């Protein structure tokens, strides 16, 4: 099975965002920051307010609650924006010729072959760690944090995407360690 598609900088950034959102370490980082900020709020807002008196204490508690709720709700958004900006800048430091541009991916019994105008990558199925997808992409993971990105827009019909995923998952299952 073969599919040809174009990869943009946005597609590569999407992999980083997906990985951060779904990885155990990414989720743990978000949870840590969601807890850390309210705890710091207690130390720097609530406790000093308690030492000043009852009105200051009530104001301090109200500010801490508002701050904590806002922080817990907004920190995932801030992390996503920060990660997107950081990854985009990192990719812009190089030309990334083998990553950005036209790709032809071939799935066969021996493995995955990704061909571009600048070279070819071959990976046997036993190297593929997982096959994941989100609303817009299929990710064929080669390691815990690197993957081939296949945009779902590359498939003319949903049935073509389904056939691609079924083929990839079947080959992966046959060669699972």
C-alpha atoms as a PDB file:
ATOM      1  CA  UNK A   1       0.000   0.000   0.000  1.00  0.00           C
ATOM      2  CA  UNK A   2       1.302   3.431  -0.925  1.00  0.00           C
ATOM      3  CA  UNK A   3       0.274   7.026  -0.190  1.00  0.00           C
ATOM      4  CA  UNK A   4       1.790  10.291  -1.396  1.00  0.00           C
ATOM      5  CA  UNK A   5       1.366  13.502   0.580  1.00  0.00           C
ATOM      6  CA  UNK A   6       2.965  16.813   1.462  1.00  0.00           C
ATOM      7  CA  UNK A   7       4.359  17.634   4.894  1.00  0.00           C
ATOM      8  CA  UNK A   8       4.440  21.213   6.148  1.00  0.00           C
ATOM      9  CA  UNK A   9       6.005  22.800   9.183  1.00  0.00           C
ATOM     10  CA  UNK A  10       2.542  22.811  10.792  1.00  0.00           C
ATOM     11  CA  UNK A  11       2.317  19.028  10.333  1.00  0.00           C
ATOM     12  CA  UNK A  12       5.616  18.524  12.165  1.00  0.00           C
ATOM     13  CA  UNK A  13       4.507  20.834  14.964  1.00  0.00           C
ATOM     14  CA  UNK A  14       1.267  18.833  15.211  1.00  0.00           C
ATOM     15  CA  UNK A  15       3.299  15.735  16.100  1.00  0.00           C
ATOM     16  CA  UNK A  16       4.968  17.544  19.000  1.00  0.00           C
ATOM     17  CA  UNK A  17       1.642  18.866  20.249  1.00  0.00           C
ATOM     18  CA  UNK A  18      -0.004  15.446  19.962  1.00  0.00           C
ATOM     19  CA  UNK A  19       2.885  13.752  21.721  1.00  0.00           C
ATOM     20  CA  UNK A  20       2.923  16.230  24.586  1.00  0.00           C
ATOM     21  CA  UNK A  21      -0.830  15.957  24.997  1.00  0.00           C
ATOM     22  CA  UNK A  22      -0.895  12.152  25.022  1.00  0.00           C
ATOM     23  CA  UNK A  23       2.415  11.160  26.596  1.00  0.00           C
ATOM     24  CA  UNK A  24       2.656  10.262  30.253  1.00  0.00           C
ATOM     25  CA  UNK A  25       5.478  12.767  30.793  1.00  0.00           C
ATOM     26  CA  UNK A  26       3.526  15.568  29.082  1.00  0.00           C
ATOM     27  CA  UNK A  27       0.427  14.950  31.174  1.00  0.00           C
ATOM     28  CA  UNK A  28       2.560  14.722  34.321  1.00  0.00           C
ATOM     29  CA  UNK A  29       4.198  18.086  33.540  1.00  0.00           C
ATOM     30  CA  UNK A  30       0.816  19.761  33.147  1.00  0.00           C
ATOM     31  CA  UNK A  31      -0.477  18.230  36.400  1.00  0.00           C
ATOM     32  CA  UNK A  32       2.660  19.304  38.254  1.00  0.00           C
ATOM     33  CA  UNK A  33       2.247  22.915  37.123  1.00  0.00           C
ATOM     34  CA  UNK A  34      -1.473  22.820  37.885  1.00  0.00           C
ATOM     35  CA  UNK A  35      -0.667  21.869  41.493  1.00  0.00           C
ATOM     36  CA  UNK A  36       2.522  23.891  41.962  1.00  0.00           C
ATOM     37  CA  UNK A  37       1.034  27.307  41.249  1.00  0.00           C
ATOM     38  CA  UNK A  38      -1.868  27.025  43.742  1.00  0.00           C
ATOM     39  CA  UNK A  39       0.566  25.795  46.411  1.00  0.00           C
ATOM     40  CA  UNK A  40       2.802  28.789  45.742  1.00  0.00           C
ATOM     41  CA  UNK A  41      -0.320  30.945  45.934  1.00  0.00           C
ATOM     42  CA  UNK A  42      -0.961  29.664  49.435  1.00  0.00           C
ATOM     43  CA  UNK A  43       2.608  30.480  50.438  1.00  0.00           C
ATOM     44  CA  UNK A  44       2.739  33.955  48.919  1.00  0.00           C
ATOM     45  CA  UNK A  45      -0.878  35.192  49.020  1.00  0.00           C
ATOM     46  CA  UNK A  46      -2.877  33.381  51.704  1.00  0.00           C
ATOM     47  CA  UNK A  47      -0.288  33.033  54.485  1.00  0.00           C
ATOM     48  CA  UNK A  48       0.880  36.673  54.331  1.00  0.00           C
ATOM     49  CA  UNK A  49      -2.776  37.774  54.296  1.00  0.00           C
ATOM     50  CA  UNK A  50      -3.464  35.687  57.411  1.00  0.00           C
ATOM     51  CA  UNK A  51      -0.724  37.560  59.265  1.00  0.00           C
ATOM     52  CA  UNK A  52      -2.263  40.944  58.409  1.00  0.00           C
ATOM     53  CA  UNK A  53      -5.769  40.381  59.731  1.00  0.00           C
ATOM     54  CA  UNK A  54      -9.225  39.074  58.929  1.00  0.00           C
ATOM     55  CA  UNK A  55     -10.173  41.416  56.033  1.00  0.00           C
ATOM     56  CA  UNK A  56      -6.815  40.872  54.361  1.00  0.00           C
ATOM     57  CA  UNK A  57      -7.220  37.142  54.953  1.00  0.00           C
ATOM     58  CA  UNK A  58     -10.611  37.048  53.210  1.00  0.00           C
ATOM     59  CA  UNK A  59      -9.281  39.090  50.298  1.00  0.00           C
ATOM     60  CA  UNK A  60      -6.217  36.835  50.121  1.00  0.00           C
ATOM     61  CA  UNK A  61      -8.367  33.707  50.098  1.00  0.00           C
ATOM     62  CA  UNK A  62     -10.632  35.086  47.369  1.00  0.00           C
ATOM     63  CA  UNK A  63      -7.621  36.090  45.258  1.00  0.00           C
ATOM     64  CA  UNK A  64      -6.048  32.677  45.788  1.00  0.00           C
ATOM     65  CA  UNK A  65      -9.222  30.848  44.720  1.00  0.00           C
ATOM     66  CA  UNK A  66      -9.578  32.994  41.586  1.00  0.00           C
ATOM     67  CA  UNK A  67      -5.895  32.627  40.755  1.00  0.00           C
ATOM     68  CA  UNK A  68      -5.912  28.869  41.355  1.00  0.00           C
ATOM     69  CA  UNK A  69      -9.004  28.185  39.250  1.00  0.00           C
ATOM     70  CA  UNK A  70      -7.719  30.355  36.410  1.00  0.00           C
ATOM     71  CA  UNK A  71      -4.310  28.721  36.580  1.00  0.00           C
ATOM     72  CA  UNK A  72      -5.641  25.158  36.558  1.00  0.00           C
ATOM     73  CA  UNK A  73      -7.874  25.924  33.576  1.00  0.00           C
ATOM     74  CA  UNK A  74      -5.404  27.996  31.570  1.00  0.00           C
ATOM     75  CA  UNK A  75      -2.040  26.282  32.090  1.00  0.00           C
ATOM     76  CA  UNK A  76      -2.741  23.597  29.429  1.00  0.00           C
ATOM     77  CA  UNK A  77      -3.473  26.382  26.929  1.00  0.00           C
ATOM     78  CA  UNK A  78      -0.300  28.280  27.878  1.00  0.00           C
ATOM     79  CA  UNK A  79       1.806  25.125  27.579  1.00  0.00           C
ATOM     80  CA  UNK A  80       0.338  24.357  24.153  1.00  0.00           C
ATOM     81  CA  UNK A  81       1.065  27.892  22.878  1.00  0.00           C
ATOM     82  CA  UNK A  82       4.578  27.816  24.365  1.00  0.00           C
ATOM     83  CA  UNK A  83       5.329  24.379  22.919  1.00  0.00           C
ATOM     84  CA  UNK A  84       4.005  25.327  19.485  1.00  0.00           C
ATOM     85  CA  UNK A  85       6.149  28.472  19.407  1.00  0.00           C
ATOM     86  CA  UNK A  86       9.257  26.671  20.673  1.00  0.00           C
ATOM     87  CA  UNK A  87       8.975  23.752  18.248  1.00  0.00           C
ATOM     88  CA  UNK A  88       8.257  26.063  15.314  1.00  0.00           C
ATOM     89  CA  UNK A  89      11.364  28.126  16.114  1.00  0.00           C
ATOM     90  CA  UNK A  90      13.470  24.989  16.431  1.00  0.00           C
ATOM     91  CA  UNK A  91      12.379  23.683  13.028  1.00  0.00           C
ATOM     92  CA  UNK A  92      12.980  27.100  11.441  1.00  0.00           C
ATOM     93  CA  UNK A  93      16.636  26.915  12.500  1.00  0.00           C
ATOM     94  CA  UNK A  94      17.280  24.355   9.772  1.00  0.00           C
ATOM     95  CA  UNK A  95      16.129  23.647   6.248  1.00  0.00           C
ATOM     96  CA  UNK A  96      14.553  20.271   7.096  1.00  0.00           C
ATOM     97  CA  UNK A  97      14.593  19.222   3.437  1.00  0.00           C
ATOM     98  CA  UNK A  98      14.058  15.558   4.203  1.00  0.00           C
ATOM     99  CA  UNK A  99      11.111  16.307   6.467  1.00  0.00           C
ATOM    100  CA  UNK A 100       9.166  19.122   4.789  1.00  0.00           C
ATOM    101  CA  UNK A 101       7.836  18.539   1.304  1.00  0.00           C
ATOM    102  CA  UNK A 102       6.519  15.644  -0.734  1.00  0.00           C
ATOM    103  CA  UNK A 103       6.602  12.155   0.816  1.00  0.00           C
ATOM    104  CA  UNK A 104       5.645   8.770  -0.529  1.00  0.00           C
ATOM    105  CA  UNK A 105       5.068   6.176   2.164  1.00  0.00           C
ATOM    106  CA  UNK A 106       4.941   2.523   1.249  1.00  0.00           C
ATOM    107  CA  UNK A 107       3.685  -0.126   3.648  1.00  0.00           C
ATOM    108  CA  UNK A 108       4.842  -3.618   2.837  1.00  0.00           C
ATOM    109  CA  UNK A 109       5.395  -6.925   4.598  1.00  0.00           C
ATOM    110  CA  UNK A 110       9.024  -6.015   5.319  1.00  0.00           C
ATOM    111  CA  UNK A 111       8.357  -2.547   6.751  1.00  0.00           C
ATOM    112  CA  UNK A 112       7.685   1.131   6.174  1.00  0.00           C
ATOM    113  CA  UNK A 113       9.506   3.030   3.439  1.00  0.00           C
ATOM    114  CA  UNK A 114       9.306   6.837   3.411  1.00  0.00           C
ATOM    115  CA  UNK A 115      10.673   8.377   0.208  1.00  0.00           C
ATOM    116  CA  UNK A 116      11.274  12.084  -0.417  1.00  0.00           C
ATOM    117  CA  UNK A 117      13.120  14.017  -3.102  1.00  0.00           C
ATOM    118  CA  UNK A 118      16.161  13.942  -0.807  1.00  0.00           C
ATOM    119  CA  UNK A 119      16.320  10.334   0.306  1.00  0.00           C
ATOM    120  CA  UNK A 120      14.627   7.278   1.626  1.00  0.00           C
ATOM    121  CA  UNK A 121      14.049   5.904   5.120  1.00  0.00           C
ATOM    122  CA  UNK A 122      13.340   2.233   5.722  1.00  0.00           C
ATOM    123  CA  UNK A 123      12.097   0.778   8.986  1.00  0.00           C
ATOM    124  CA  UNK A 124      11.233  -2.841   9.639  1.00  0.00           C
ATOM    125  CA  UNK A 125       7.945  -3.415  11.417  1.00  0.00           C
ATOM    126  CA  UNK A 126       9.608  -4.606  14.616  1.00  0.00           C
ATOM    127  CA  UNK A 127      10.965  -1.046  15.059  1.00  0.00           C
ATOM    128  CA  UNK A 128       7.506   0.537  14.932  1.00  0.00           C
ATOM    129  CA  UNK A 129       6.509   1.206  18.544  1.00  0.00           C
ATOM    130  CA  UNK A 130       2.917   2.242  17.934  1.00  0.00           C
ATOM    131  CA  UNK A 131       0.490   3.605  15.411  1.00  0.00           C
ATOM    132  CA  UNK A 132      -1.627   6.468  16.707  1.00  0.00           C
ATOM    133  CA  UNK A 133      -4.042   8.942  15.215  1.00  0.00           C
ATOM    134  CA  UNK A 134      -5.886  12.102  16.041  1.00  0.00           C
ATOM    135  CA  UNK A 135      -8.473  14.082  14.146  1.00  0.00           C
ATOM    136  CA  UNK A 136      -6.044  15.192  11.413  1.00  0.00           C
ATOM    137  CA  UNK A 137      -3.058  12.815  11.411  1.00  0.00           C
ATOM    138  CA  UNK A 138      -1.754   9.285  11.573  1.00  0.00           C
ATOM    139  CA  UNK A 139       1.486   8.942  13.553  1.00  0.00           C
ATOM    140  CA  UNK A 140       3.717   5.931  12.986  1.00  0.00           C
ATOM    141  CA  UNK A 141       6.025   6.018  16.001  1.00  0.00           C
ATOM    142  CA  UNK A 142       9.631   4.912  15.529  1.00  0.00           C
ATOM    143  CA  UNK A 143      10.553   5.719  19.126  1.00  0.00           C
ATOM    144  CA  UNK A 144       8.948   7.234  22.186  1.00  0.00           C
ATOM    145  CA  UNK A 145       9.112  10.742  20.689  1.00  0.00           C
ATOM    146  CA  UNK A 146       9.675  10.457  16.925  1.00  0.00           C
ATOM    147  CA  UNK A 147       7.198   9.402  14.295  1.00  0.00           C
ATOM    148  CA  UNK A 148       6.289   9.541  10.653  1.00  0.00           C
ATOM    149  CA  UNK A 149       3.464  12.059  10.244  1.00  0.00           C
ATOM    150  CA  UNK A 150       0.827  11.147   7.667  1.00  0.00           C
ATOM    151  CA  UNK A 151      -1.834  13.814   7.210  1.00  0.00           C
ATOM    152  CA  UNK A 152      -5.321  12.391   6.837  1.00  0.00           C
ATOM    153  CA  UNK A 153      -5.869  14.915   4.047  1.00  0.00           C
ATOM    154  CA  UNK A 154      -3.672  12.629   1.909  1.00  0.00           C
ATOM    155  CA  UNK A 155      -6.539  10.172   1.594  1.00  0.00           C
ATOM    156  CA  UNK A 156      -9.251  10.933  -0.943  1.00  0.00           C
ATOM    157  CA  UNK A 157     -11.811   8.846   0.916  1.00  0.00           C
ATOM    158  CA  UNK A 158     -12.329   7.628   4.456  1.00  0.00           C
ATOM    159  CA  UNK A 159     -12.147   4.059   3.143  1.00  0.00           C
ATOM    160  CA  UNK A 160      -8.601   4.717   1.871  1.00  0.00           C
ATOM    161  CA  UNK A 161      -7.564   5.958   5.311  1.00  0.00           C
ATOM    162  CA  UNK A 162      -9.181   2.916   6.927  1.00  0.00           C
ATOM    163  CA  UNK A 163      -7.350   0.567   4.560  1.00  0.00           C
ATOM    164  CA  UNK A 164      -4.045   2.320   5.317  1.00  0.00           C
ATOM    165  CA  UNK A 165      -4.548   2.073   9.081  1.00  0.00           C
ATOM    166  CA  UNK A 166      -5.722  -1.546   8.910  1.00  0.00           C
ATOM    167  CA  UNK A 167      -2.731  -2.522   6.786  1.00  0.00           C
ATOM    168  CA  UNK A 168      -0.242  -0.751   9.043  1.00  0.00           C
ATOM    169  CA  UNK A 169      -1.739  -2.197  12.218  1.00  0.00           C
ATOM    170  CA  UNK A 170      -1.892  -5.697  10.767  1.00  0.00           C
ATOM    171  CA  UNK A 171       1.776  -5.632   9.741  1.00  0.00           C
ATOM    172  CA  UNK A 172       2.749  -4.160  13.104  1.00  0.00           C
ATOM    173  CA  UNK A 173       0.813  -6.849  14.982  1.00  0.00           C
ATOM    174  CA  UNK A 174       2.487  -9.603  12.937  1.00  0.00           C
ATOM    175  CA  UNK A 175       5.928  -8.302  13.887  1.00  0.00           C
ATOM    176  CA  UNK A 176       5.308  -7.201  17.474  1.00  0.00           C
ATOM    177  CA  UNK A 177       8.092  -8.229  19.795  1.00  0.00           C
END
